[in-house]
Amino acid sequence: MDSTKPQLRVSVFSDYICPFCYIGSRRLLHLNDSYDVLVNWCSVEIHPDTPPAGMSVDALGYPPAQWQAMMHALQQMAAEEGIVLAERMFTTNSHQALLLAEAAKTAGRELFYALHERLFSAFFVDAENIGDETVLRRLAAEVGMDGDLVAAAWQDPRFEHNLTHYLRLAQSAQVHGTPTYVFGDELVRGAVGVDVLRAAAARLAAQTT
């Protein structure tokens, strides 16, 4: 925590299989230049019916030309934040990954953010299936997450309760997509640029000073 900067509290509705959430997570880091940013990451599943084994992106139903255009735009956006995306061939179920991230929060900010970044990069850069518990255990070990905490992520009902709570919050706030950023009473939706995030942060900071 940096006491020399004004504190900024932001909530973000996000999923680790949402590419715009990965880019948005990186863009949010730019706010650290001006603020001590405290983010409440509210994890919500965007494809809860997808099997953990994953499925081809063809099942998402996009026409090939539209998919190619989307991927081209996505690659450009990612490159602006230093992310080199692998070709999207499959999607997966993120539920176990979200539980793992919730458990990591209990071990502190540093571990959570290490896992947070690793889950995104594993799926989008390394093309790994983060619906697979074996993969998740390895990723958790890479960032130094204790094995007992990994087990607790999938056994302790409080982490499941957290996800249910976030889903209810999303429904009550009329959050219909990810990422959605909550700056006070203001909702900023979708793949917005850093300038939009800075402007929302400035409005919230002005209200709280």
N, C-alpha and C. Protein backbone atom coordinates (compact mmCIF):
# COMPACT_ATOMS: atom_id res chain seq x y z
N MET A 1 0.84 -1.20 0.00
CA MET A 1 0.00 0.00 0.00
C MET A 1 0.87 1.24 0.00
N ASP A 2 0.55 2.18 -0.88
CA ASP A 2 1.34 3.40 -1.01
C ASP A 2 0.57 4.56 -0.41
N SER A 3 1.02 5.03 0.77
CA SER A 3 0.31 6.09 1.48
C SER A 3 0.48 7.44 0.81
N THR A 4 1.39 7.56 -0.15
CA THR A 4 1.60 8.84 -0.82
C THR A 4 0.60 9.07 -1.95
N LYS A 5 -0.14 8.05 -2.31
CA LYS A 5 -1.13 8.17 -3.38
C LYS A 5 -2.53 8.02 -2.80
N PRO A 6 -3.53 8.68 -3.40
CA PRO A 6 -4.90 8.50 -2.93
C PRO A 6 -5.36 7.06 -3.18
N GLN A 7 -6.10 6.53 -2.22
CA GLN A 7 -6.58 5.16 -2.35
C GLN A 7 -7.80 5.12 -3.26
N LEU A 8 -7.85 4.10 -4.09
CA LEU A 8 -8.95 3.94 -5.03
C LEU A 8 -9.46 2.51 -4.93
N ARG A 9 -10.73 2.35 -4.58
CA ARG A 9 -11.33 1.02 -4.48
C ARG A 9 -12.21 0.76 -5.69
N VAL A 10 -11.93 -0.32 -6.37
CA VAL A 10 -12.65 -0.68 -7.60
C VAL A 10 -13.06 -2.15 -7.51
N SER A 11 -14.26 -2.45 -7.97
CA SER A 11 -14.67 -3.84 -8.12
C SER A 11 -14.68 -4.19 -9.60
N VAL A 12 -14.27 -5.41 -9.92
CA VAL A 12 -14.23 -5.85 -11.31
C VAL A 12 -14.88 -7.23 -11.42
N PHE A 13 -15.89 -7.33 -12.27
CA PHE A 13 -16.49 -8.62 -12.58
C PHE A 13 -15.73 -9.21 -13.76
N SER A 14 -15.19 -10.41 -13.56
CA SER A 14 -14.20 -10.93 -14.49
C SER A 14 -14.21 -12.45 -14.51
N ASP A 15 -13.64 -13.03 -15.58
CA ASP A 15 -13.48 -14.48 -15.68
C ASP A 15 -12.15 -14.77 -16.35
N TYR A 16 -11.50 -15.84 -15.94
CA TYR A 16 -10.17 -16.16 -16.47
C TYR A 16 -10.19 -16.72 -17.89
N ILE A 17 -11.37 -16.99 -18.45
CA ILE A 17 -11.43 -17.41 -19.85
C ILE A 17 -11.97 -16.29 -20.74
N CYS A 18 -12.04 -15.09 -20.19
CA CYS A 18 -12.48 -13.91 -20.94
C CYS A 18 -11.25 -13.13 -21.39
N PRO A 19 -10.97 -13.09 -22.70
CA PRO A 19 -9.75 -12.41 -23.16
C PRO A 19 -9.75 -10.92 -22.85
N PHE A 20 -10.92 -10.30 -22.90
CA PHE A 20 -10.99 -8.87 -22.63
C PHE A 20 -10.74 -8.59 -21.15
N CYS A 21 -11.01 -9.58 -20.30
CA CYS A 21 -10.70 -9.45 -18.88
C CYS A 21 -9.19 -9.46 -18.65
N TYR A 22 -8.49 -10.29 -19.41
CA TYR A 22 -7.02 -10.33 -19.31
C TYR A 22 -6.44 -8.99 -19.71
N ILE A 23 -6.88 -8.49 -20.84
CA ILE A 23 -6.40 -7.19 -21.31
C ILE A 23 -6.80 -6.09 -20.32
N GLY A 24 -8.03 -6.17 -19.83
CA GLY A 24 -8.51 -5.17 -18.87
C GLY A 24 -7.74 -5.20 -17.57
N SER A 25 -7.34 -6.38 -17.14
CA SER A 25 -6.54 -6.50 -15.92
C SER A 25 -5.21 -5.78 -16.08
N ARG A 26 -4.61 -5.93 -17.25
CA ARG A 26 -3.35 -5.22 -17.53
C ARG A 26 -3.58 -3.71 -17.62
N ARG A 27 -4.67 -3.31 -18.25
CA ARG A 27 -4.95 -1.88 -18.39
C ARG A 27 -5.20 -1.23 -17.04
N LEU A 28 -5.82 -1.98 -16.15
CA LEU A 28 -6.09 -1.45 -14.82
C LEU A 28 -4.80 -1.12 -14.07
N LEU A 29 -3.73 -1.82 -14.39
CA LEU A 29 -2.44 -1.58 -13.74
C LEU A 29 -1.94 -0.15 -13.98
N HIS A 30 -2.35 0.45 -15.09
CA HIS A 30 -1.91 1.81 -15.39
C HIS A 30 -2.39 2.81 -14.34
N LEU A 31 -3.49 2.47 -13.66
CA LEU A 31 -4.01 3.38 -12.63
C LEU A 31 -3.09 3.45 -11.42
N ASN A 32 -2.21 2.45 -11.28
CA ASN A 32 -1.27 2.46 -10.15
C ASN A 32 -0.29 3.62 -10.23
N ASP A 33 -0.17 4.23 -11.41
CA ASP A 33 0.71 5.40 -11.54
C ASP A 33 0.22 6.56 -10.68
N SER A 34 -1.10 6.63 -10.49
CA SER A 34 -1.68 7.78 -9.80
C SER A 34 -2.38 7.44 -8.50
N TYR A 35 -2.73 6.17 -8.33
CA TYR A 35 -3.53 5.78 -7.16
C TYR A 35 -2.97 4.52 -6.50
N ASP A 36 -3.33 4.36 -5.24
CA ASP A 36 -3.13 3.08 -4.56
C ASP A 36 -4.42 2.30 -4.81
N VAL A 37 -4.40 1.45 -5.83
CA VAL A 37 -5.61 0.79 -6.30
C VAL A 37 -5.84 -0.51 -5.54
N LEU A 38 -7.01 -0.63 -4.95
CA LEU A 38 -7.43 -1.85 -4.27
C LEU A 38 -8.60 -2.42 -5.06
N VAL A 39 -8.39 -3.59 -5.65
CA VAL A 39 -9.40 -4.17 -6.53
C VAL A 39 -10.10 -5.33 -5.84
N ASN A 40 -11.41 -5.30 -5.87
CA ASN A 40 -12.22 -6.43 -5.43
C ASN A 40 -12.57 -7.24 -6.68
N TRP A 41 -11.85 -8.32 -6.91
CA TRP A 41 -12.09 -9.16 -8.10
C TRP A 41 -13.29 -10.05 -7.83
N CYS A 42 -14.37 -9.82 -8.56
CA CYS A 42 -15.61 -10.58 -8.42
C CYS A 42 -15.69 -11.56 -9.59
N SER A 43 -15.39 -12.81 -9.33
CA SER A 43 -15.29 -13.80 -10.40
C SER A 43 -16.67 -14.35 -10.77
N VAL A 44 -16.99 -14.28 -12.05
CA VAL A 44 -18.25 -14.84 -12.56
C VAL A 44 -17.94 -15.67 -13.81
N GLU A 45 -18.61 -16.80 -13.93
CA GLU A 45 -18.38 -17.69 -15.07
C GLU A 45 -19.13 -17.20 -16.30
N ILE A 46 -18.44 -17.10 -17.42
CA ILE A 46 -19.11 -16.68 -18.65
C ILE A 46 -19.61 -17.87 -19.47
N HIS A 47 -19.02 -19.05 -19.26
CA HIS A 47 -19.48 -20.25 -19.96
C HIS A 47 -19.61 -21.40 -18.95
N PRO A 48 -20.57 -21.29 -18.01
CA PRO A 48 -20.67 -22.30 -16.96
C PRO A 48 -21.04 -23.69 -17.46
N ASP A 49 -21.63 -23.78 -18.65
CA ASP A 49 -22.06 -25.08 -19.16
C ASP A 49 -20.97 -25.80 -19.95
N THR A 50 -19.84 -25.15 -20.16
CA THR A 50 -18.74 -25.79 -20.88
C THR A 50 -18.11 -26.88 -20.01
N PRO A 51 -17.83 -28.06 -20.55
CA PRO A 51 -17.21 -29.12 -19.75
C PRO A 51 -15.77 -28.78 -19.38
N PRO A 52 -15.30 -29.24 -18.23
CA PRO A 52 -13.91 -28.98 -17.83
C PRO A 52 -12.88 -29.50 -18.83
N ALA A 53 -13.25 -30.51 -19.59
CA ALA A 53 -12.33 -31.03 -20.61
C ALA A 53 -12.15 -30.05 -21.76
N GLY A 54 -13.02 -29.03 -21.81
CA GLY A 54 -12.93 -28.03 -22.86
C GLY A 54 -13.70 -28.43 -24.10
N MET A 55 -13.88 -27.46 -24.99
CA MET A 55 -14.53 -27.73 -26.27
C MET A 55 -14.02 -26.74 -27.29
N SER A 56 -14.17 -27.10 -28.55
CA SER A 56 -13.69 -26.26 -29.64
C SER A 56 -14.42 -24.92 -29.65
N VAL A 57 -13.71 -23.87 -30.04
CA VAL A 57 -14.37 -22.56 -30.14
C VAL A 57 -15.45 -22.57 -31.22
N ASP A 58 -15.43 -23.56 -32.10
CA ASP A 58 -16.48 -23.66 -33.12
C ASP A 58 -17.86 -23.77 -32.46
N ALA A 59 -17.89 -24.36 -31.27
CA ALA A 59 -19.15 -24.55 -30.56
C ALA A 59 -19.74 -23.23 -30.07
N LEU A 60 -18.96 -22.16 -30.07
CA LEU A 60 -19.47 -20.86 -29.65
C LEU A 60 -20.39 -20.25 -30.68
N GLY A 61 -20.33 -20.76 -31.91
CA GLY A 61 -21.31 -20.38 -32.92
C GLY A 61 -21.01 -19.16 -33.75
N TYR A 62 -19.78 -18.65 -33.72
CA TYR A 62 -19.46 -17.48 -34.53
C TYR A 62 -19.18 -17.91 -35.97
N PRO A 63 -19.68 -17.16 -36.96
CA PRO A 63 -19.28 -17.41 -38.34
C PRO A 63 -17.77 -17.22 -38.48
N PRO A 64 -17.11 -18.03 -39.31
CA PRO A 64 -15.64 -17.96 -39.43
C PRO A 64 -15.09 -16.57 -39.70
N ALA A 65 -15.73 -15.82 -40.60
CA ALA A 65 -15.23 -14.48 -40.93
C ALA A 65 -15.32 -13.55 -39.72
N GLN A 66 -16.43 -13.64 -38.99
CA GLN A 66 -16.60 -12.80 -37.80
C GLN A 66 -15.57 -13.18 -36.74
N TRP A 67 -15.35 -14.49 -36.56
CA TRP A 67 -14.37 -14.95 -35.56
C TRP A 67 -12.98 -14.44 -35.90
N GLN A 68 -12.59 -14.53 -37.17
CA GLN A 68 -11.27 -14.07 -37.58
C GLN A 68 -11.10 -12.58 -37.34
N ALA A 69 -12.14 -11.81 -37.64
CA ALA A 69 -12.08 -10.36 -37.41
C ALA A 69 -11.94 -10.05 -35.92
N MET A 70 -12.70 -10.78 -35.11
CA MET A 70 -12.62 -10.59 -33.66
C MET A 70 -11.23 -10.92 -33.13
N MET A 71 -10.67 -12.01 -33.62
CA MET A 71 -9.35 -12.43 -33.15
C MET A 71 -8.26 -11.45 -33.58
N HIS A 72 -8.40 -10.90 -34.77
CA HIS A 72 -7.42 -9.91 -35.24
C HIS A 72 -7.46 -8.67 -34.34
N ALA A 73 -8.67 -8.19 -34.05
CA ALA A 73 -8.80 -7.02 -33.18
C ALA A 73 -8.28 -7.32 -31.78
N LEU A 74 -8.56 -8.54 -31.31
CA LEU A 74 -8.11 -8.94 -29.99
C LEU A 74 -6.59 -9.00 -29.90
N GLN A 75 -5.96 -9.54 -30.92
CA GLN A 75 -4.50 -9.62 -30.95
C GLN A 75 -3.88 -8.22 -30.86
N GLN A 76 -4.47 -7.27 -31.57
CA GLN A 76 -3.95 -5.90 -31.55
C GLN A 76 -4.10 -5.27 -30.16
N MET A 77 -5.27 -5.47 -29.55
CA MET A 77 -5.49 -4.93 -28.21
C MET A 77 -4.52 -5.54 -27.21
N ALA A 78 -4.33 -6.85 -27.30
CA ALA A 78 -3.43 -7.54 -26.38
C ALA A 78 -2.00 -7.06 -26.55
N ALA A 79 -1.59 -6.87 -27.80
CA ALA A 79 -0.22 -6.43 -28.07
C ALA A 79 0.08 -5.09 -27.43
N GLU A 80 -0.93 -4.22 -27.34
CA GLU A 80 -0.75 -2.92 -26.71
C GLU A 80 -0.37 -3.05 -25.23
N GLU A 81 -0.76 -4.17 -24.63
CA GLU A 81 -0.46 -4.41 -23.21
C GLU A 81 0.65 -5.44 -23.03
N GLY A 82 1.38 -5.73 -24.11
CA GLY A 82 2.52 -6.64 -24.02
C GLY A 82 2.15 -8.11 -23.95
N ILE A 83 0.95 -8.45 -24.40
CA ILE A 83 0.48 -9.83 -24.36
C ILE A 83 0.50 -10.41 -25.77
N VAL A 84 1.13 -11.57 -25.93
CA VAL A 84 1.13 -12.27 -27.21
C VAL A 84 0.21 -13.47 -27.08
N LEU A 85 -0.96 -13.38 -27.67
CA LEU A 85 -1.97 -14.42 -27.51
C LEU A 85 -1.70 -15.62 -28.41
N ALA A 86 -1.94 -16.80 -27.87
CA ALA A 86 -1.93 -18.01 -28.69
C ALA A 86 -3.20 -18.03 -29.53
N GLU A 87 -3.19 -18.80 -30.60
CA GLU A 87 -4.39 -18.93 -31.42
C GLU A 87 -5.48 -19.60 -30.59
N ARG A 88 -6.67 -19.01 -30.60
CA ARG A 88 -7.78 -19.56 -29.81
C ARG A 88 -8.37 -20.76 -30.52
N MET A 89 -8.20 -21.94 -29.94
CA MET A 89 -8.73 -23.17 -30.53
C MET A 89 -9.82 -23.81 -29.66
N PHE A 90 -9.84 -23.47 -28.38
CA PHE A 90 -10.80 -24.10 -27.48
C PHE A 90 -11.17 -23.15 -26.36
N THR A 91 -12.29 -23.45 -25.71
CA THR A 91 -12.66 -22.77 -24.48
C THR A 91 -12.87 -23.84 -23.42
N THR A 92 -13.08 -23.43 -22.19
CA THR A 92 -13.16 -24.43 -21.12
C THR A 92 -14.08 -23.92 -20.01
N ASN A 93 -14.19 -24.70 -18.97
CA ASN A 93 -14.95 -24.33 -17.79
C ASN A 93 -13.99 -23.75 -16.76
N SER A 94 -14.29 -22.57 -16.28
CA SER A 94 -13.36 -21.85 -15.40
C SER A 94 -13.66 -22.02 -13.91
N HIS A 95 -14.68 -22.80 -13.57
CA HIS A 95 -15.16 -22.83 -12.19
C HIS A 95 -14.06 -23.18 -11.19
N GLN A 96 -13.31 -24.23 -11.46
CA GLN A 96 -12.26 -24.65 -10.51
C GLN A 96 -11.16 -23.60 -10.41
N ALA A 97 -10.86 -22.94 -11.52
CA ALA A 97 -9.85 -21.87 -11.50
C ALA A 97 -10.32 -20.69 -10.65
N LEU A 98 -11.61 -20.38 -10.74
CA LEU A 98 -12.14 -19.27 -9.95
C LEU A 98 -12.09 -19.59 -8.46
N LEU A 99 -12.40 -20.83 -8.11
CA LEU A 99 -12.30 -21.25 -6.71
C LEU A 99 -10.86 -21.16 -6.22
N LEU A 100 -9.93 -21.56 -7.07
CA LEU A 100 -8.51 -21.50 -6.71
C LEU A 100 -8.09 -20.06 -6.43
N ALA A 101 -8.55 -19.14 -7.26
CA ALA A 101 -8.22 -17.72 -7.07
C ALA A 101 -8.82 -17.19 -5.77
N GLU A 102 -10.04 -17.62 -5.46
CA GLU A 102 -10.66 -17.20 -4.20
C GLU A 102 -9.84 -17.67 -3.00
N ALA A 103 -9.37 -18.90 -3.07
CA ALA A 103 -8.54 -19.42 -1.97
C ALA A 103 -7.23 -18.64 -1.86
N ALA A 104 -6.65 -18.29 -3.00
CA ALA A 104 -5.38 -17.56 -3.00
C ALA A 104 -5.52 -16.20 -2.32
N LYS A 105 -6.69 -15.60 -2.41
CA LYS A 105 -6.91 -14.30 -1.76
C LYS A 105 -6.65 -14.38 -0.26
N THR A 106 -6.94 -15.53 0.33
CA THR A 106 -6.79 -15.66 1.78
C THR A 106 -5.33 -15.69 2.21
N ALA A 107 -4.43 -15.90 1.25
CA ALA A 107 -2.99 -15.95 1.56
C ALA A 107 -2.30 -14.63 1.27
N GLY A 108 -3.07 -13.63 0.88
CA GLY A 108 -2.49 -12.31 0.68
C GLY A 108 -2.49 -11.84 -0.76
N ARG A 109 -2.29 -10.55 -0.90
CA ARG A 109 -2.37 -9.89 -2.19
C ARG A 109 -1.30 -10.39 -3.17
N GLU A 110 -0.08 -10.60 -2.67
CA GLU A 110 1.02 -10.99 -3.56
C GLU A 110 0.75 -12.34 -4.22
N LEU A 111 0.34 -13.32 -3.43
CA LEU A 111 0.07 -14.64 -3.99
C LEU A 111 -1.13 -14.59 -4.93
N PHE A 112 -2.17 -13.87 -4.52
CA PHE A 112 -3.34 -13.79 -5.39
C PHE A 112 -2.97 -13.24 -6.76
N TYR A 113 -2.23 -12.14 -6.79
CA TYR A 113 -1.92 -11.53 -8.09
C TYR A 113 -0.97 -12.38 -8.92
N ALA A 114 -0.10 -13.13 -8.26
CA ALA A 114 0.77 -14.05 -9.00
C ALA A 114 -0.07 -15.12 -9.69
N LEU A 115 -1.03 -15.67 -8.95
CA LEU A 115 -1.90 -16.70 -9.53
C LEU A 115 -2.84 -16.09 -10.57
N HIS A 116 -3.37 -14.93 -10.27
CA HIS A 116 -4.27 -14.20 -11.17
C HIS A 116 -3.64 -14.05 -12.56
N GLU A 117 -2.43 -13.56 -12.60
CA GLU A 117 -1.72 -13.39 -13.87
C GLU A 117 -1.41 -14.74 -14.51
N ARG A 118 -1.03 -15.71 -13.69
CA ARG A 118 -0.64 -17.01 -14.25
C ARG A 118 -1.83 -17.75 -14.85
N LEU A 119 -3.00 -17.63 -14.25
CA LEU A 119 -4.19 -18.27 -14.82
C LEU A 119 -4.52 -17.67 -16.18
N PHE A 120 -4.46 -16.36 -16.27
CA PHE A 120 -4.70 -15.71 -17.56
C PHE A 120 -3.67 -16.15 -18.60
N SER A 121 -2.40 -16.07 -18.25
CA SER A 121 -1.36 -16.37 -19.23
C SER A 121 -1.36 -17.85 -19.62
N ALA A 122 -1.68 -18.72 -18.68
CA ALA A 122 -1.72 -20.15 -19.00
C ALA A 122 -2.76 -20.42 -20.08
N PHE A 123 -3.92 -19.81 -19.95
CA PHE A 123 -5.00 -20.06 -20.91
C PHE A 123 -4.78 -19.34 -22.23
N PHE A 124 -4.43 -18.06 -22.16
CA PHE A 124 -4.40 -17.25 -23.38
C PHE A 124 -3.05 -17.21 -24.08
N VAL A 125 -1.97 -17.39 -23.36
CA VAL A 125 -0.64 -17.35 -23.98
C VAL A 125 -0.10 -18.76 -24.22
N ASP A 126 -0.28 -19.63 -23.23
CA ASP A 126 0.27 -20.99 -23.33
C ASP A 126 -0.74 -22.01 -23.84
N ALA A 127 -2.00 -21.58 -24.02
CA ALA A 127 -3.07 -22.45 -24.54
C ALA A 127 -3.25 -23.71 -23.68
N GLU A 128 -3.19 -23.54 -22.37
CA GLU A 128 -3.41 -24.66 -21.45
C GLU A 128 -4.86 -24.66 -20.99
N ASN A 129 -5.33 -25.83 -20.62
CA ASN A 129 -6.71 -25.98 -20.18
C ASN A 129 -6.81 -25.74 -18.68
N ILE A 130 -7.27 -24.56 -18.30
CA ILE A 130 -7.38 -24.23 -16.87
C ILE A 130 -8.67 -24.78 -16.26
N GLY A 131 -9.37 -25.64 -17.00
CA GLY A 131 -10.46 -26.41 -16.42
C GLY A 131 -9.97 -27.72 -15.83
N ASP A 132 -8.73 -28.07 -16.12
CA ASP A 132 -8.13 -29.33 -15.70
C ASP A 132 -7.45 -29.13 -14.34
N GLU A 133 -7.87 -29.89 -13.34
CA GLU A 133 -7.32 -29.71 -11.99
C GLU A 133 -5.83 -30.03 -11.93
N THR A 134 -5.36 -30.95 -12.76
CA THR A 134 -3.93 -31.26 -12.78
C THR A 134 -3.13 -30.04 -13.23
N VAL A 135 -3.63 -29.37 -14.25
CA VAL A 135 -3.00 -28.14 -14.73
C VAL A 135 -3.04 -27.08 -13.64
N LEU A 136 -4.18 -26.94 -13.00
CA LEU A 136 -4.33 -25.92 -11.96
C LEU A 136 -3.39 -26.17 -10.78
N ARG A 137 -3.23 -27.42 -10.40
CA ARG A 137 -2.30 -27.72 -9.30
C ARG A 137 -0.87 -27.31 -9.67
N ARG A 138 -0.50 -27.57 -10.91
CA ARG A 138 0.85 -27.21 -11.34
C ARG A 138 1.02 -25.69 -11.36
N LEU A 139 0.03 -24.98 -11.86
CA LEU A 139 0.11 -23.52 -11.90
C LEU A 139 0.19 -22.94 -10.49
N ALA A 140 -0.60 -23.52 -9.58
CA ALA A 140 -0.57 -23.06 -8.19
C ALA A 140 0.80 -23.29 -7.58
N ALA A 141 1.41 -24.43 -7.87
CA ALA A 141 2.75 -24.72 -7.35
C ALA A 141 3.77 -23.75 -7.92
N GLU A 142 3.61 -23.39 -9.18
CA GLU A 142 4.54 -22.45 -9.83
C GLU A 142 4.61 -21.12 -9.09
N VAL A 143 3.46 -20.67 -8.57
CA VAL A 143 3.44 -19.36 -7.90
C VAL A 143 3.60 -19.49 -6.38
N GLY A 144 3.87 -20.72 -5.91
CA GLY A 144 4.14 -20.91 -4.49
C GLY A 144 2.93 -21.08 -3.60
N MET A 145 1.82 -21.53 -4.18
CA MET A 145 0.61 -21.73 -3.39
C MET A 145 0.69 -23.08 -2.67
N ASP A 146 0.41 -23.05 -1.40
CA ASP A 146 0.50 -24.25 -0.56
C ASP A 146 -0.49 -25.32 -1.02
N GLY A 147 -0.05 -26.57 -1.02
CA GLY A 147 -0.90 -27.66 -1.47
C GLY A 147 -2.16 -27.82 -0.66
N ASP A 148 -2.10 -27.57 0.64
CA ASP A 148 -3.28 -27.66 1.48
C ASP A 148 -4.30 -26.59 1.10
N LEU A 149 -3.81 -25.42 0.74
CA LEU A 149 -4.72 -24.35 0.33
C LEU A 149 -5.35 -24.67 -1.02
N VAL A 150 -4.60 -25.31 -1.90
CA VAL A 150 -5.16 -25.74 -3.19
C VAL A 150 -6.30 -26.73 -2.95
N ALA A 151 -6.07 -27.69 -2.07
CA ALA A 151 -7.12 -28.66 -1.76
C ALA A 151 -8.34 -27.98 -1.15
N ALA A 152 -8.09 -27.02 -0.27
CA ALA A 152 -9.19 -26.30 0.38
C ALA A 152 -10.02 -25.52 -0.63
N ALA A 153 -9.38 -25.04 -1.68
CA ALA A 153 -10.09 -24.27 -2.70
C ALA A 153 -11.28 -25.03 -3.25
N TRP A 154 -11.14 -26.35 -3.35
CA TRP A 154 -12.18 -27.17 -3.97
C TRP A 154 -13.00 -27.96 -2.95
N GLN A 155 -12.69 -27.75 -1.67
CA GLN A 155 -13.41 -28.48 -0.63
C GLN A 155 -14.11 -27.56 0.37
N ASP A 156 -13.55 -26.39 0.60
CA ASP A 156 -14.10 -25.47 1.59
C ASP A 156 -15.30 -24.74 0.98
N PRO A 157 -16.49 -24.87 1.56
CA PRO A 157 -17.69 -24.26 0.97
C PRO A 157 -17.68 -22.74 0.93
N ARG A 158 -16.82 -22.11 1.71
CA ARG A 158 -16.83 -20.64 1.71
C ARG A 158 -16.41 -20.07 0.36
N PHE A 159 -15.54 -20.77 -0.37
CA PHE A 159 -15.10 -20.26 -1.66
C PHE A 159 -16.21 -20.39 -2.70
N GLU A 160 -16.96 -21.48 -2.62
CA GLU A 160 -18.14 -21.63 -3.47
C GLU A 160 -19.16 -20.55 -3.14
N HIS A 161 -19.29 -20.27 -1.85
CA HIS A 161 -20.22 -19.22 -1.41
C HIS A 161 -19.81 -17.87 -2.00
N ASN A 162 -18.51 -17.60 -2.05
CA ASN A 162 -18.04 -16.34 -2.63
C ASN A 162 -18.50 -16.20 -4.07
N LEU A 163 -18.38 -17.27 -4.86
CA LEU A 163 -18.78 -17.21 -6.27
C LEU A 163 -20.28 -16.98 -6.40
N THR A 164 -21.05 -17.61 -5.54
CA THR A 164 -22.50 -17.39 -5.54
C THR A 164 -22.82 -15.95 -5.20
N HIS A 165 -22.08 -15.41 -4.24
CA HIS A 165 -22.27 -14.01 -3.83
C HIS A 165 -21.96 -13.06 -4.98
N TYR A 166 -20.87 -13.30 -5.71
CA TYR A 166 -20.51 -12.44 -6.83
C TYR A 166 -21.57 -12.50 -7.93
N LEU A 167 -22.11 -13.69 -8.16
CA LEU A 167 -23.15 -13.83 -9.18
C LEU A 167 -24.38 -13.03 -8.80
N ARG A 168 -24.75 -13.07 -7.54
CA ARG A 168 -25.91 -12.29 -7.09
C ARG A 168 -25.63 -10.80 -7.18
N LEU A 169 -24.41 -10.40 -6.84
CA LEU A 169 -24.04 -8.99 -6.98
C LEU A 169 -24.15 -8.54 -8.43
N ALA A 170 -23.66 -9.39 -9.34
CA ALA A 170 -23.71 -9.07 -10.76
C ALA A 170 -25.15 -8.92 -11.23
N GLN A 171 -26.01 -9.80 -10.78
CA GLN A 171 -27.41 -9.74 -11.18
C GLN A 171 -28.08 -8.49 -10.63
N SER A 172 -27.80 -8.15 -9.38
CA SER A 172 -28.43 -6.98 -8.76
C SER A 172 -27.92 -5.68 -9.37
N ALA A 173 -26.67 -5.69 -9.83
CA ALA A 173 -26.08 -4.49 -10.44
C ALA A 173 -26.30 -4.43 -11.95
N GLN A 174 -27.03 -5.42 -12.47
CA GLN A 174 -27.30 -5.52 -13.91
C GLN A 174 -26.00 -5.59 -14.72
N VAL A 175 -25.10 -6.41 -14.22
CA VAL A 175 -23.87 -6.70 -14.95
C VAL A 175 -24.17 -7.86 -15.90
N HIS A 176 -24.04 -7.60 -17.19
CA HIS A 176 -24.41 -8.60 -18.19
C HIS A 176 -23.22 -9.13 -18.97
N GLY A 177 -22.04 -8.66 -18.68
CA GLY A 177 -20.87 -9.12 -19.42
C GLY A 177 -19.60 -8.81 -18.65
N THR A 178 -18.51 -9.40 -19.12
CA THR A 178 -17.20 -9.17 -18.50
C THR A 178 -16.24 -8.62 -19.54
N PRO A 179 -15.31 -7.77 -19.11
CA PRO A 179 -15.20 -7.23 -17.76
C PRO A 179 -16.20 -6.09 -17.54
N THR A 180 -16.63 -5.94 -16.31
CA THR A 180 -17.38 -4.77 -15.88
C THR A 180 -16.68 -4.21 -14.65
N TYR A 181 -16.34 -2.93 -14.72
CA TYR A 181 -15.63 -2.24 -13.64
C TYR A 181 -16.64 -1.40 -12.86
N VAL A 182 -16.53 -1.41 -11.55
CA VAL A 182 -17.42 -0.61 -10.71
C VAL A 182 -16.58 0.42 -9.97
N PHE A 183 -16.74 1.67 -10.38
CA PHE A 183 -16.07 2.80 -9.73
C PHE A 183 -17.14 3.54 -8.93
N GLY A 184 -17.28 3.23 -7.65
CA GLY A 184 -18.34 3.85 -6.87
C GLY A 184 -19.69 3.42 -7.39
N ASP A 185 -20.49 4.39 -7.84
CA ASP A 185 -21.81 4.08 -8.40
C ASP A 185 -21.77 3.95 -9.92
N GLU A 186 -20.60 4.10 -10.50
CA GLU A 186 -20.48 4.08 -11.96
C GLU A 186 -20.00 2.72 -12.46
N LEU A 187 -20.72 2.18 -13.44
CA LEU A 187 -20.32 0.94 -14.09
C LEU A 187 -19.67 1.26 -15.43
N VAL A 188 -18.49 0.71 -15.64
CA VAL A 188 -17.78 0.84 -16.91
C VAL A 188 -17.73 -0.56 -17.52
N ARG A 189 -18.33 -0.71 -18.67
CA ARG A 189 -18.53 -2.04 -19.24
C ARG A 189 -17.64 -2.30 -20.44
N GLY A 190 -17.08 -3.50 -20.49
CA GLY A 190 -16.44 -3.97 -21.70
C GLY A 190 -14.97 -3.62 -21.85
N ALA A 191 -14.50 -3.80 -23.07
CA ALA A 191 -13.07 -3.66 -23.39
C ALA A 191 -12.71 -2.20 -23.63
N VAL A 192 -12.77 -1.41 -22.58
CA VAL A 192 -12.50 0.02 -22.70
C VAL A 192 -11.00 0.29 -22.61
N GLY A 193 -10.61 1.44 -23.11
CA GLY A 193 -9.20 1.82 -23.09
C GLY A 193 -8.77 2.38 -21.75
N VAL A 194 -7.47 2.55 -21.61
CA VAL A 194 -6.91 3.08 -20.36
C VAL A 194 -7.45 4.47 -20.07
N ASP A 195 -7.67 5.26 -21.12
CA ASP A 195 -8.18 6.62 -20.92
C ASP A 195 -9.55 6.62 -20.27
N VAL A 196 -10.38 5.66 -20.63
CA VAL A 196 -11.72 5.56 -20.03
C VAL A 196 -11.61 5.17 -18.56
N LEU A 197 -10.71 4.25 -18.25
CA LEU A 197 -10.50 3.85 -16.86
C LEU A 197 -9.94 5.00 -16.04
N ARG A 198 -9.01 5.75 -16.61
CA ARG A 198 -8.45 6.90 -15.90
C ARG A 198 -9.53 7.94 -15.59
N ALA A 199 -10.41 8.17 -16.56
CA ALA A 199 -11.46 9.16 -16.37
C ALA A 199 -12.43 8.72 -15.27
N ALA A 200 -12.79 7.44 -15.26
CA ALA A 200 -13.68 6.92 -14.22
C ALA A 200 -13.01 7.00 -12.85
N ALA A 201 -11.72 6.70 -12.81
CA ALA A 201 -10.96 6.78 -11.56
C ALA A 201 -10.93 8.21 -11.04
N ALA A 202 -10.73 9.16 -11.94
CA ALA A 202 -10.67 10.56 -11.55
C ALA A 202 -12.01 11.03 -10.99
N ARG A 203 -13.10 10.57 -11.60
CA ARG A 203 -14.43 10.96 -11.10
C ARG A 203 -14.67 10.38 -9.71
N LEU A 204 -14.27 9.13 -9.51
CA LEU A 204 -14.45 8.53 -8.19
C LEU A 204 -13.56 9.21 -7.15
N ALA A 205 -12.32 9.51 -7.52
CA ALA A 205 -11.40 10.17 -6.59
C ALA A 205 -11.92 11.54 -6.19
N ALA A 206 -12.53 12.24 -7.14
CA ALA A 206 -13.08 13.57 -6.85
C ALA A 206 -14.24 13.50 -5.86
N GLN A 207 -14.97 12.39 -5.89
CA GLN A 207 -16.11 12.22 -4.99
C GLN A 207 -15.68 11.86 -3.58
N THR A 208 -14.50 11.27 -3.46
CA THR A 208 -14.07 10.73 -2.16
C THR A 208 -13.01 11.59 -1.47
N THR A 209 -12.68 12.75 -2.06
CA THR A 209 -11.68 13.62 -1.44
C THR A 209 -12.34 14.87 -0.89
